[in-house]
Amino acid sequence: MYSTFSANAERASGGVSILINERTPHRQLDINTNLQAVAVSVTMHKPVTLCSIYIPPSATLQRAELDNLISQIHSPFILLGDFNGHNLLWGCKDTNNRGKLIEDFISNNDLCIFNDKSFTYLHPATCSRSSLDLALCDPSTYLDFSWRVGDDLCGSDHYPIFLQNTGLQSPIGCLGLSSRRQIGLHTRLNVS
């Protein structure tokens, strides 16, 4: 059984959810933001805050909104989501204004990027590929996880992203991020 934590998930597209195995110690964190985001503190080999975010491509984004979000979540943390920003830094073929804003956010907050420049998104009409989904963390968490993109779209236009906990001292398996246009962003924590 899983506990589900959602924000804006009732919409046909967008929204975020985090599903946590009920056997894994966890608690939802209250965050005050206009962004589509949800955060949960999870005890793995150490307590880690997971925050799932979706930023629609048409939304206006201010860096202060991202700064405000991470000021409310506890370190160590992992921020996962569909940021809809293009940047050469994480594997896109170009850098757009949102991608530059996100790059500045990452740099100014000393965050680490798990992404290895693999594509995470397949445009349904043009079959062009991009890297819109990001997995970010504070430096104390970076070496505790390995990152990879799955091969199967699973009916979505986003490939699933897997973060494997390499700092295991408890029976926690892996995090899976699968962004689906129809049902929003989902982060799953599976207990082995």
N, C-alpha and C. Protein backbone atom coordinates (compact mmCIF):
# COMPACT_ATOMS: atom_id res chain seq x y z
N MET A 1 0.83 -1.17 0.00
CA MET A 1 0.00 0.00 0.00
C MET A 1 0.89 1.25 0.00
N TYR A 2 0.36 2.28 -0.63
CA TYR A 2 1.09 3.53 -0.75
C TYR A 2 0.30 4.70 -0.20
N SER A 3 1.01 5.64 0.39
CA SER A 3 0.42 6.92 0.76
C SER A 3 0.65 7.86 -0.41
N THR A 4 -0.38 8.64 -0.75
CA THR A 4 -0.29 9.56 -1.89
C THR A 4 -0.41 10.99 -1.40
N PHE A 5 0.50 11.82 -1.89
CA PHE A 5 0.51 13.25 -1.56
C PHE A 5 0.48 13.99 -2.89
N SER A 6 -0.52 14.85 -3.10
CA SER A 6 -0.72 15.49 -4.40
C SER A 6 -0.98 16.98 -4.26
N ALA A 7 -0.72 17.68 -5.36
CA ALA A 7 -1.07 19.09 -5.51
C ALA A 7 -1.50 19.29 -6.96
N ASN A 8 -2.66 19.85 -7.16
CA ASN A 8 -3.20 20.11 -8.49
C ASN A 8 -3.33 18.86 -9.34
N ALA A 9 -3.45 17.68 -8.74
CA ALA A 9 -3.49 16.44 -9.50
C ALA A 9 -4.86 16.14 -10.09
N GLU A 10 -5.86 16.95 -9.77
CA GLU A 10 -7.19 16.71 -10.30
C GLU A 10 -7.33 17.20 -11.73
N ARG A 11 -6.33 17.92 -12.24
CA ARG A 11 -6.39 18.47 -13.58
C ARG A 11 -6.04 17.41 -14.62
N ALA A 12 -6.51 17.61 -15.84
CA ALA A 12 -6.25 16.65 -16.93
C ALA A 12 -4.77 16.61 -17.29
N SER A 13 -4.08 17.73 -17.16
CA SER A 13 -2.63 17.74 -17.37
C SER A 13 -2.02 18.59 -16.26
N GLY A 14 -0.81 18.25 -15.92
CA GLY A 14 -0.16 18.95 -14.83
C GLY A 14 -0.48 18.32 -13.50
N GLY A 15 -0.10 19.01 -12.45
CA GLY A 15 -0.25 18.47 -11.11
C GLY A 15 0.93 17.59 -10.75
N VAL A 16 1.10 17.37 -9.46
CA VAL A 16 2.20 16.54 -8.97
C VAL A 16 1.69 15.61 -7.89
N SER A 17 2.36 14.48 -7.78
CA SER A 17 2.06 13.52 -6.73
C SER A 17 3.34 12.82 -6.30
N ILE A 18 3.39 12.45 -5.04
CA ILE A 18 4.44 11.58 -4.53
C ILE A 18 3.74 10.41 -3.87
N LEU A 19 4.14 9.20 -4.24
CA LEU A 19 3.61 7.98 -3.64
C LEU A 19 4.72 7.35 -2.82
N ILE A 20 4.44 7.06 -1.54
CA ILE A 20 5.43 6.48 -0.63
C ILE A 20 4.86 5.20 -0.05
N ASN A 21 5.67 4.15 -0.10
CA ASN A 21 5.26 2.90 0.52
C ASN A 21 4.94 3.15 1.99
N GLU A 22 3.79 2.65 2.44
CA GLU A 22 3.35 2.92 3.81
C GLU A 22 4.30 2.36 4.87
N ARG A 23 5.14 1.38 4.50
CA ARG A 23 6.10 0.82 5.45
C ARG A 23 7.32 1.72 5.63
N THR A 24 7.47 2.71 4.77
CA THR A 24 8.59 3.64 4.84
C THR A 24 8.21 4.83 5.71
N PRO A 25 8.98 5.13 6.74
CA PRO A 25 8.65 6.29 7.58
C PRO A 25 8.66 7.58 6.75
N HIS A 26 7.57 8.35 6.85
CA HIS A 26 7.45 9.57 6.05
C HIS A 26 6.40 10.49 6.67
N ARG A 27 6.48 11.76 6.24
CA ARG A 27 5.45 12.72 6.62
C ARG A 27 5.43 13.84 5.58
N GLN A 28 4.25 14.33 5.28
CA GLN A 28 4.11 15.42 4.33
C GLN A 28 4.57 16.72 4.98
N LEU A 29 5.20 17.57 4.18
CA LEU A 29 5.62 18.88 4.65
C LEU A 29 4.68 19.94 4.09
N ASP A 30 4.32 20.88 4.92
CA ASP A 30 3.50 21.99 4.45
C ASP A 30 4.41 22.99 3.75
N ILE A 31 4.08 23.30 2.51
CA ILE A 31 4.82 24.32 1.78
C ILE A 31 3.84 25.36 1.26
N ASN A 32 4.27 26.60 1.28
CA ASN A 32 3.44 27.71 0.84
C ASN A 32 4.03 28.25 -0.47
N THR A 33 3.41 27.87 -1.60
CA THR A 33 3.92 28.26 -2.91
C THR A 33 2.78 28.30 -3.92
N ASN A 34 2.94 29.14 -4.93
CA ASN A 34 2.01 29.14 -6.05
C ASN A 34 2.40 28.12 -7.11
N LEU A 35 3.58 27.53 -6.97
CA LEU A 35 4.03 26.50 -7.90
C LEU A 35 3.29 25.20 -7.64
N GLN A 36 3.17 24.37 -8.68
CA GLN A 36 2.60 23.04 -8.51
C GLN A 36 3.70 22.18 -7.89
N ALA A 37 3.64 21.99 -6.58
CA ALA A 37 4.69 21.27 -5.87
C ALA A 37 4.12 20.60 -4.63
N VAL A 38 4.73 19.48 -4.26
CA VAL A 38 4.39 18.78 -3.03
C VAL A 38 5.70 18.24 -2.45
N ALA A 39 5.81 18.22 -1.12
CA ALA A 39 7.04 17.77 -0.47
C ALA A 39 6.73 16.78 0.65
N VAL A 40 7.61 15.77 0.78
CA VAL A 40 7.46 14.73 1.80
C VAL A 40 8.84 14.44 2.37
N SER A 41 8.92 14.34 3.68
CA SER A 41 10.15 13.90 4.34
C SER A 41 10.10 12.39 4.46
N VAL A 42 11.14 11.72 3.98
CA VAL A 42 11.20 10.27 3.94
C VAL A 42 12.46 9.81 4.66
N THR A 43 12.34 8.77 5.49
CA THR A 43 13.52 8.23 6.15
C THR A 43 14.03 7.05 5.35
N MET A 44 15.20 7.24 4.74
CA MET A 44 15.88 6.17 4.01
C MET A 44 17.08 5.79 4.86
N HIS A 45 18.29 5.83 4.31
CA HIS A 45 19.49 5.62 5.13
C HIS A 45 19.73 6.83 6.02
N LYS A 46 19.06 7.94 5.67
CA LYS A 46 19.02 9.15 6.47
C LYS A 46 17.74 9.87 6.04
N PRO A 47 17.22 10.79 6.82
CA PRO A 47 16.04 11.53 6.38
C PRO A 47 16.37 12.36 5.14
N VAL A 48 15.49 12.29 4.14
CA VAL A 48 15.64 13.04 2.90
C VAL A 48 14.28 13.65 2.57
N THR A 49 14.29 14.91 2.17
CA THR A 49 13.05 15.54 1.72
C THR A 49 12.94 15.38 0.21
N LEU A 50 11.81 14.85 -0.24
CA LEU A 50 11.52 14.74 -1.66
C LEU A 50 10.52 15.83 -2.01
N CYS A 51 10.78 16.55 -3.08
CA CYS A 51 9.86 17.57 -3.54
C CYS A 51 9.63 17.36 -5.03
N SER A 52 8.38 17.18 -5.40
CA SER A 52 7.99 16.98 -6.80
C SER A 52 7.38 18.28 -7.31
N ILE A 53 7.80 18.70 -8.51
CA ILE A 53 7.36 19.98 -9.05
C ILE A 53 7.01 19.84 -10.53
N TYR A 54 5.99 20.57 -10.95
CA TYR A 54 5.66 20.69 -12.37
C TYR A 54 5.48 22.16 -12.69
N ILE A 55 6.21 22.62 -13.70
CA ILE A 55 6.09 24.01 -14.15
C ILE A 55 5.57 23.97 -15.58
N PRO A 56 4.31 24.32 -15.79
CA PRO A 56 3.75 24.27 -17.16
C PRO A 56 4.56 25.14 -18.11
N PRO A 57 4.64 24.72 -19.38
CA PRO A 57 5.44 25.50 -20.34
C PRO A 57 4.92 26.92 -20.53
N SER A 58 3.64 27.13 -20.35
CA SER A 58 3.06 28.46 -20.56
C SER A 58 3.12 29.36 -19.32
N ALA A 59 3.52 28.79 -18.18
CA ALA A 59 3.55 29.56 -16.93
C ALA A 59 4.74 30.52 -16.90
N THR A 60 4.52 31.67 -16.32
CA THR A 60 5.62 32.61 -16.07
C THR A 60 6.30 32.17 -14.79
N LEU A 61 7.61 32.04 -14.84
CA LEU A 61 8.37 31.56 -13.68
C LEU A 61 9.34 32.65 -13.24
N GLN A 62 9.36 32.89 -11.94
CA GLN A 62 10.31 33.82 -11.34
C GLN A 62 11.27 33.00 -10.47
N ARG A 63 12.56 33.33 -10.51
CA ARG A 63 13.51 32.59 -9.70
C ARG A 63 13.18 32.67 -8.22
N ALA A 64 12.61 33.78 -7.78
CA ALA A 64 12.23 33.93 -6.38
C ALA A 64 11.25 32.84 -5.94
N GLU A 65 10.40 32.37 -6.87
CA GLU A 65 9.45 31.30 -6.53
C GLU A 65 10.20 30.01 -6.22
N LEU A 66 11.23 29.70 -7.00
CA LEU A 66 12.03 28.50 -6.75
C LEU A 66 12.85 28.66 -5.47
N ASP A 67 13.42 29.84 -5.27
CA ASP A 67 14.17 30.10 -4.03
C ASP A 67 13.27 29.94 -2.81
N ASN A 68 12.06 30.48 -2.89
CA ASN A 68 11.09 30.37 -1.79
C ASN A 68 10.75 28.90 -1.52
N LEU A 69 10.59 28.12 -2.58
CA LEU A 69 10.26 26.70 -2.41
C LEU A 69 11.35 25.97 -1.64
N ILE A 70 12.60 26.10 -2.07
CA ILE A 70 13.64 25.32 -1.37
C ILE A 70 13.96 25.88 0.01
N SER A 71 13.59 27.12 0.26
CA SER A 71 13.79 27.65 1.62
C SER A 71 12.84 26.98 2.61
N GLN A 72 11.79 26.34 2.10
CA GLN A 72 10.79 25.70 2.96
C GLN A 72 11.01 24.20 3.15
N ILE A 73 11.90 23.61 2.36
CA ILE A 73 12.11 22.17 2.48
C ILE A 73 13.45 21.92 3.18
N HIS A 74 13.48 20.86 3.95
CA HIS A 74 14.63 20.55 4.79
C HIS A 74 15.73 19.88 3.98
N SER A 75 16.97 20.23 4.31
CA SER A 75 18.12 19.51 3.75
C SER A 75 18.36 18.27 4.61
N PRO A 76 18.83 17.20 4.01
CA PRO A 76 19.09 17.03 2.59
C PRO A 76 17.78 16.88 1.81
N PHE A 77 17.81 17.32 0.53
CA PHE A 77 16.60 17.22 -0.27
C PHE A 77 16.92 16.85 -1.71
N ILE A 78 15.88 16.33 -2.36
CA ILE A 78 15.90 16.06 -3.80
C ILE A 78 14.68 16.75 -4.38
N LEU A 79 14.92 17.58 -5.39
CA LEU A 79 13.86 18.30 -6.09
C LEU A 79 13.76 17.69 -7.47
N LEU A 80 12.63 17.03 -7.75
CA LEU A 80 12.41 16.32 -9.01
C LEU A 80 11.25 16.94 -9.75
N GLY A 81 11.37 17.04 -11.07
CA GLY A 81 10.20 17.51 -11.77
C GLY A 81 10.40 17.86 -13.22
N ASP A 82 9.28 18.19 -13.82
CA ASP A 82 9.22 18.67 -15.19
C ASP A 82 9.30 20.19 -15.13
N PHE A 83 10.49 20.72 -15.35
CA PHE A 83 10.73 22.16 -15.25
C PHE A 83 10.41 22.89 -16.56
N ASN A 84 10.29 22.13 -17.66
CA ASN A 84 10.01 22.71 -18.97
C ASN A 84 10.97 23.85 -19.32
N GLY A 85 12.24 23.65 -19.04
CA GLY A 85 13.27 24.62 -19.38
C GLY A 85 14.38 23.94 -20.18
N HIS A 86 14.83 24.59 -21.23
CA HIS A 86 15.89 24.04 -22.07
C HIS A 86 17.23 24.65 -21.67
N ASN A 87 18.26 23.77 -21.54
CA ASN A 87 19.59 24.26 -21.24
C ASN A 87 20.60 23.22 -21.69
N LEU A 88 21.69 23.67 -22.31
CA LEU A 88 22.77 22.78 -22.73
C LEU A 88 23.35 22.01 -21.54
N LEU A 89 23.31 22.63 -20.37
CA LEU A 89 23.88 22.05 -19.17
C LEU A 89 23.29 20.68 -18.84
N TRP A 90 22.00 20.49 -19.08
CA TRP A 90 21.38 19.18 -18.77
C TRP A 90 20.96 18.42 -20.00
N GLY A 91 21.48 18.78 -21.17
CA GLY A 91 21.32 17.93 -22.34
C GLY A 91 20.41 18.42 -23.43
N CYS A 92 19.89 19.62 -23.34
CA CYS A 92 19.06 20.16 -24.41
C CYS A 92 19.95 20.65 -25.55
N LYS A 93 19.35 20.82 -26.71
CA LYS A 93 20.10 21.29 -27.88
C LYS A 93 20.26 22.80 -27.90
N ASP A 94 19.56 23.51 -27.00
CA ASP A 94 19.64 24.95 -26.91
C ASP A 94 19.34 25.37 -25.47
N THR A 95 19.50 26.66 -25.19
CA THR A 95 19.17 27.21 -23.88
C THR A 95 18.14 28.31 -24.09
N ASN A 96 16.98 28.18 -23.42
CA ASN A 96 15.97 29.24 -23.52
C ASN A 96 15.99 30.07 -22.23
N ASN A 97 15.13 31.11 -22.18
CA ASN A 97 15.12 32.00 -21.01
C ASN A 97 14.83 31.24 -19.72
N ARG A 98 13.87 30.31 -19.76
CA ARG A 98 13.56 29.54 -18.54
C ARG A 98 14.74 28.67 -18.15
N GLY A 99 15.39 28.06 -19.13
CA GLY A 99 16.57 27.24 -18.84
C GLY A 99 17.68 28.04 -18.18
N LYS A 100 17.89 29.27 -18.62
CA LYS A 100 18.89 30.15 -18.01
C LYS A 100 18.48 30.52 -16.58
N LEU A 101 17.19 30.79 -16.37
CA LEU A 101 16.70 31.11 -15.04
C LEU A 101 16.93 29.93 -14.09
N ILE A 102 16.64 28.71 -14.56
CA ILE A 102 16.83 27.51 -13.74
C ILE A 102 18.32 27.29 -13.47
N GLU A 103 19.16 27.53 -14.48
CA GLU A 103 20.61 27.41 -14.29
C GLU A 103 21.08 28.38 -13.21
N ASP A 104 20.60 29.60 -13.25
CA ASP A 104 20.96 30.59 -12.22
C ASP A 104 20.48 30.15 -10.84
N PHE A 105 19.27 29.59 -10.76
CA PHE A 105 18.73 29.06 -9.51
C PHE A 105 19.63 27.96 -8.97
N ILE A 106 20.04 27.03 -9.83
CA ILE A 106 20.91 25.93 -9.43
C ILE A 106 22.25 26.46 -8.92
N SER A 107 22.83 27.36 -9.68
CA SER A 107 24.14 27.92 -9.33
C SER A 107 24.09 28.73 -8.03
N ASN A 108 23.11 29.61 -7.91
CA ASN A 108 23.03 30.48 -6.73
C ASN A 108 22.70 29.74 -5.45
N ASN A 109 22.13 28.54 -5.57
CA ASN A 109 21.79 27.74 -4.39
C ASN A 109 22.73 26.56 -4.19
N ASP A 110 23.82 26.53 -4.98
CA ASP A 110 24.83 25.47 -4.87
C ASP A 110 24.21 24.08 -4.96
N LEU A 111 23.29 23.89 -5.91
CA LEU A 111 22.63 22.60 -6.08
C LEU A 111 23.41 21.72 -7.06
N CYS A 112 23.18 20.44 -6.97
CA CYS A 112 23.78 19.46 -7.88
C CYS A 112 22.70 18.96 -8.82
N ILE A 113 23.10 18.61 -10.04
CA ILE A 113 22.19 18.06 -11.04
C ILE A 113 22.53 16.59 -11.23
N PHE A 114 21.55 15.72 -11.01
CA PHE A 114 21.76 14.30 -11.26
C PHE A 114 21.80 13.99 -12.75
N ASN A 115 21.06 14.74 -13.56
CA ASN A 115 20.95 14.46 -14.99
C ASN A 115 22.33 14.31 -15.63
N ASP A 116 22.41 13.35 -16.59
CA ASP A 116 23.66 13.10 -17.30
C ASP A 116 23.56 13.47 -18.78
N LYS A 117 22.63 14.34 -19.13
CA LYS A 117 22.37 14.83 -20.48
C LYS A 117 21.58 13.84 -21.33
N SER A 118 21.06 12.78 -20.72
CA SER A 118 20.16 11.87 -21.43
C SER A 118 18.84 12.58 -21.67
N PHE A 119 18.18 12.22 -22.76
CA PHE A 119 16.87 12.81 -23.06
C PHE A 119 15.82 12.24 -22.13
N THR A 120 14.89 13.09 -21.69
CA THR A 120 13.81 12.66 -20.80
C THR A 120 12.43 12.85 -21.42
N TYR A 121 12.38 13.50 -22.60
CA TYR A 121 11.10 13.86 -23.20
C TYR A 121 11.14 13.58 -24.70
N LEU A 122 10.04 13.04 -25.22
CA LEU A 122 9.88 12.80 -26.66
C LEU A 122 8.64 13.56 -27.12
N HIS A 123 8.83 14.56 -27.99
CA HIS A 123 7.70 15.36 -28.48
C HIS A 123 6.83 14.47 -29.36
N PRO A 124 5.53 14.34 -29.04
CA PRO A 124 4.67 13.40 -29.76
C PRO A 124 4.48 13.72 -31.24
N ALA A 125 4.47 14.99 -31.60
CA ALA A 125 4.20 15.37 -33.00
C ALA A 125 5.45 15.33 -33.87
N THR A 126 6.58 15.76 -33.32
CA THR A 126 7.80 15.88 -34.14
C THR A 126 8.82 14.78 -33.87
N CYS A 127 8.61 14.01 -32.81
CA CYS A 127 9.56 12.98 -32.37
C CYS A 127 10.92 13.56 -32.00
N SER A 128 10.99 14.87 -31.77
CA SER A 128 12.23 15.47 -31.28
C SER A 128 12.37 15.15 -29.79
N ARG A 129 13.60 15.05 -29.34
CA ARG A 129 13.85 14.69 -27.95
C ARG A 129 14.51 15.85 -27.22
N SER A 130 14.25 15.91 -25.92
CA SER A 130 14.79 16.98 -25.10
C SER A 130 14.94 16.48 -23.67
N SER A 131 15.47 17.33 -22.82
CA SER A 131 15.66 17.01 -21.40
C SER A 131 14.94 18.05 -20.56
N LEU A 132 13.67 17.82 -20.30
CA LEU A 132 12.84 18.77 -19.56
C LEU A 132 12.71 18.41 -18.09
N ASP A 133 12.93 17.14 -17.78
CA ASP A 133 12.78 16.65 -16.41
C ASP A 133 14.14 16.70 -15.72
N LEU A 134 14.16 17.31 -14.55
CA LEU A 134 15.40 17.46 -13.80
C LEU A 134 15.31 16.80 -12.43
N ALA A 135 16.43 16.33 -11.97
CA ALA A 135 16.58 15.84 -10.60
C ALA A 135 17.73 16.62 -9.98
N LEU A 136 17.39 17.45 -9.01
CA LEU A 136 18.35 18.33 -8.36
C LEU A 136 18.46 17.98 -6.88
N CYS A 137 19.58 18.30 -6.28
CA CYS A 137 19.72 18.03 -4.84
C CYS A 137 20.75 18.96 -4.23
N ASP A 138 20.75 19.00 -2.91
CA ASP A 138 21.80 19.72 -2.22
C ASP A 138 23.04 18.81 -2.22
N PRO A 139 24.25 19.36 -2.09
CA PRO A 139 25.47 18.56 -2.22
C PRO A 139 25.56 17.37 -1.27
N SER A 140 24.96 17.44 -0.09
CA SER A 140 25.07 16.35 0.87
C SER A 140 24.34 15.09 0.42
N THR A 141 23.51 15.19 -0.60
CA THR A 141 22.71 14.06 -1.07
C THR A 141 23.25 13.47 -2.37
N TYR A 142 24.05 14.22 -3.10
CA TYR A 142 24.45 13.84 -4.46
C TYR A 142 25.10 12.47 -4.55
N LEU A 143 26.00 12.13 -3.68
CA LEU A 143 26.71 10.85 -3.77
C LEU A 143 25.89 9.67 -3.26
N ASP A 144 24.72 9.94 -2.70
CA ASP A 144 23.88 8.87 -2.16
C ASP A 144 22.99 8.22 -3.21
N PHE A 145 22.96 8.76 -4.43
CA PHE A 145 22.05 8.25 -5.46
C PHE A 145 22.74 8.17 -6.81
N SER A 146 22.32 7.19 -7.61
CA SER A 146 22.71 7.16 -9.02
C SER A 146 21.46 7.45 -9.83
N TRP A 147 21.61 8.02 -11.02
CA TRP A 147 20.51 8.52 -11.85
C TRP A 147 20.53 7.82 -13.19
N ARG A 148 19.36 7.45 -13.71
CA ARG A 148 19.27 6.91 -15.07
C ARG A 148 17.87 7.14 -15.62
N VAL A 149 17.77 7.12 -16.94
CA VAL A 149 16.49 7.28 -17.63
C VAL A 149 16.07 5.92 -18.14
N GLY A 150 14.81 5.55 -17.94
CA GLY A 150 14.27 4.30 -18.45
C GLY A 150 14.08 4.34 -19.96
N ASP A 151 13.94 3.18 -20.57
CA ASP A 151 13.80 3.06 -22.03
C ASP A 151 12.36 3.13 -22.52
N ASP A 152 11.40 2.79 -21.67
CA ASP A 152 10.01 2.66 -22.08
C ASP A 152 9.22 3.91 -21.68
N LEU A 153 8.58 4.55 -22.63
CA LEU A 153 7.77 5.73 -22.33
C LEU A 153 6.54 5.41 -21.48
N CYS A 154 6.13 4.16 -21.43
CA CYS A 154 5.00 3.73 -20.60
C CYS A 154 3.73 4.52 -20.93
N GLY A 155 3.53 4.84 -22.21
CA GLY A 155 2.32 5.55 -22.63
C GLY A 155 2.39 7.06 -22.43
N SER A 156 3.52 7.58 -22.01
CA SER A 156 3.69 9.00 -21.75
C SER A 156 4.55 9.63 -22.85
N ASP A 157 4.77 10.93 -22.76
CA ASP A 157 5.74 11.57 -23.64
C ASP A 157 7.02 11.89 -22.88
N HIS A 158 7.08 11.46 -21.61
CA HIS A 158 8.28 11.59 -20.78
C HIS A 158 8.77 10.19 -20.41
N TYR A 159 10.08 10.00 -20.49
CA TYR A 159 10.67 8.74 -20.04
C TYR A 159 10.74 8.73 -18.52
N PRO A 160 10.58 7.55 -17.91
CA PRO A 160 10.73 7.50 -16.44
C PRO A 160 12.19 7.73 -16.05
N ILE A 161 12.38 8.38 -14.93
CA ILE A 161 13.71 8.63 -14.37
C ILE A 161 13.82 7.84 -13.08
N PHE A 162 14.96 7.16 -12.91
CA PHE A 162 15.18 6.36 -11.72
C PHE A 162 16.38 6.89 -10.95
N LEU A 163 16.17 7.11 -9.66
CA LEU A 163 17.26 7.44 -8.75
C LEU A 163 17.44 6.24 -7.83
N GLN A 164 18.59 5.60 -7.91
CA GLN A 164 18.88 4.43 -7.07
C GLN A 164 19.66 4.90 -5.85
N ASN A 165 19.16 4.57 -4.68
CA ASN A 165 19.83 4.93 -3.44
C ASN A 165 21.08 4.07 -3.30
N THR A 166 22.26 4.69 -3.41
CA THR A 166 23.52 3.97 -3.29
C THR A 166 24.08 4.03 -1.87
N GLY A 167 23.45 4.81 -0.99
CA GLY A 167 23.88 4.94 0.39
C GLY A 167 23.04 4.08 1.30
N LEU A 168 22.58 2.93 0.79
CA LEU A 168 21.63 2.10 1.53
C LEU A 168 22.18 1.62 2.87
N GLN A 169 21.42 1.91 3.89
CA GLN A 169 21.64 1.32 5.20
C GLN A 169 20.29 0.86 5.74
N SER A 170 19.27 0.94 4.87
CA SER A 170 17.93 0.46 5.21
C SER A 170 17.37 -0.21 3.95
N PRO A 171 16.25 -0.91 4.05
CA PRO A 171 15.76 -1.68 2.92
C PRO A 171 14.99 -0.87 1.87
N ILE A 172 15.43 0.35 1.57
CA ILE A 172 14.74 1.17 0.58
C ILE A 172 15.30 0.85 -0.79
N GLY A 173 14.44 0.76 -1.77
CA GLY A 173 14.83 0.44 -3.13
C GLY A 173 15.22 1.66 -3.93
N CYS A 174 14.36 2.08 -4.84
CA CYS A 174 14.72 3.21 -5.70
C CYS A 174 13.55 4.16 -5.85
N LEU A 175 13.86 5.37 -6.26
CA LEU A 175 12.85 6.36 -6.58
C LEU A 175 12.62 6.31 -8.07
N GLY A 176 11.38 6.40 -8.49
CA GLY A 176 11.09 6.47 -9.92
C GLY A 176 10.28 7.71 -10.20
N LEU A 177 10.68 8.45 -11.20
CA LEU A 177 9.98 9.66 -11.60
C LEU A 177 9.42 9.42 -12.97
N SER A 178 8.13 9.53 -13.11
CA SER A 178 7.51 9.37 -14.40
C SER A 178 6.54 10.51 -14.61
N SER A 179 6.82 11.33 -15.59
CA SER A 179 5.96 12.47 -15.86
C SER A 179 5.00 12.10 -16.97
N ARG A 180 3.73 12.24 -16.71
CA ARG A 180 2.71 11.91 -17.69
C ARG A 180 1.84 13.11 -17.92
N ARG A 181 1.71 13.48 -19.18
CA ARG A 181 0.93 14.66 -19.52
C ARG A 181 -0.50 14.52 -19.04
N GLN A 182 -1.06 13.33 -19.09
CA GLN A 182 -2.46 13.14 -18.73
C GLN A 182 -2.69 13.23 -17.22
N ILE A 183 -1.74 12.78 -16.42
CA ILE A 183 -1.99 12.70 -14.98
C ILE A 183 -0.96 13.43 -14.14
N GLY A 184 -0.06 14.16 -14.75
CA GLY A 184 0.89 14.94 -13.98
C GLY A 184 2.16 14.18 -13.66
N LEU A 185 2.85 14.62 -12.68
CA LEU A 185 4.14 14.08 -12.32
C LEU A 185 3.99 13.18 -11.11
N HIS A 186 4.61 12.03 -11.17
CA HIS A 186 4.53 11.07 -10.07
C HIS A 186 5.93 10.69 -9.64
N THR A 187 6.15 10.66 -8.38
CA THR A 187 7.40 10.15 -7.82
C THR A 187 7.02 8.97 -6.96
N ARG A 188 7.66 7.84 -7.24
CA ARG A 188 7.35 6.61 -6.50
C ARG A 188 8.56 6.20 -5.69
N LEU A 189 8.35 5.82 -4.45
CA LEU A 189 9.40 5.27 -3.62
C LEU A 189 9.01 3.84 -3.32
N ASN A 190 9.83 2.91 -3.75
CA ASN A 190 9.54 1.49 -3.58
C ASN A 190 10.43 0.91 -2.51
N VAL A 191 9.87 0.09 -1.66
CA VAL A 191 10.64 -0.63 -0.66
C VAL A 191 10.89 -2.01 -1.20
N SER A 192 12.16 -2.41 -1.21
CA SER A 192 12.55 -3.73 -1.71
C SER A 192 12.11 -4.81 -0.74
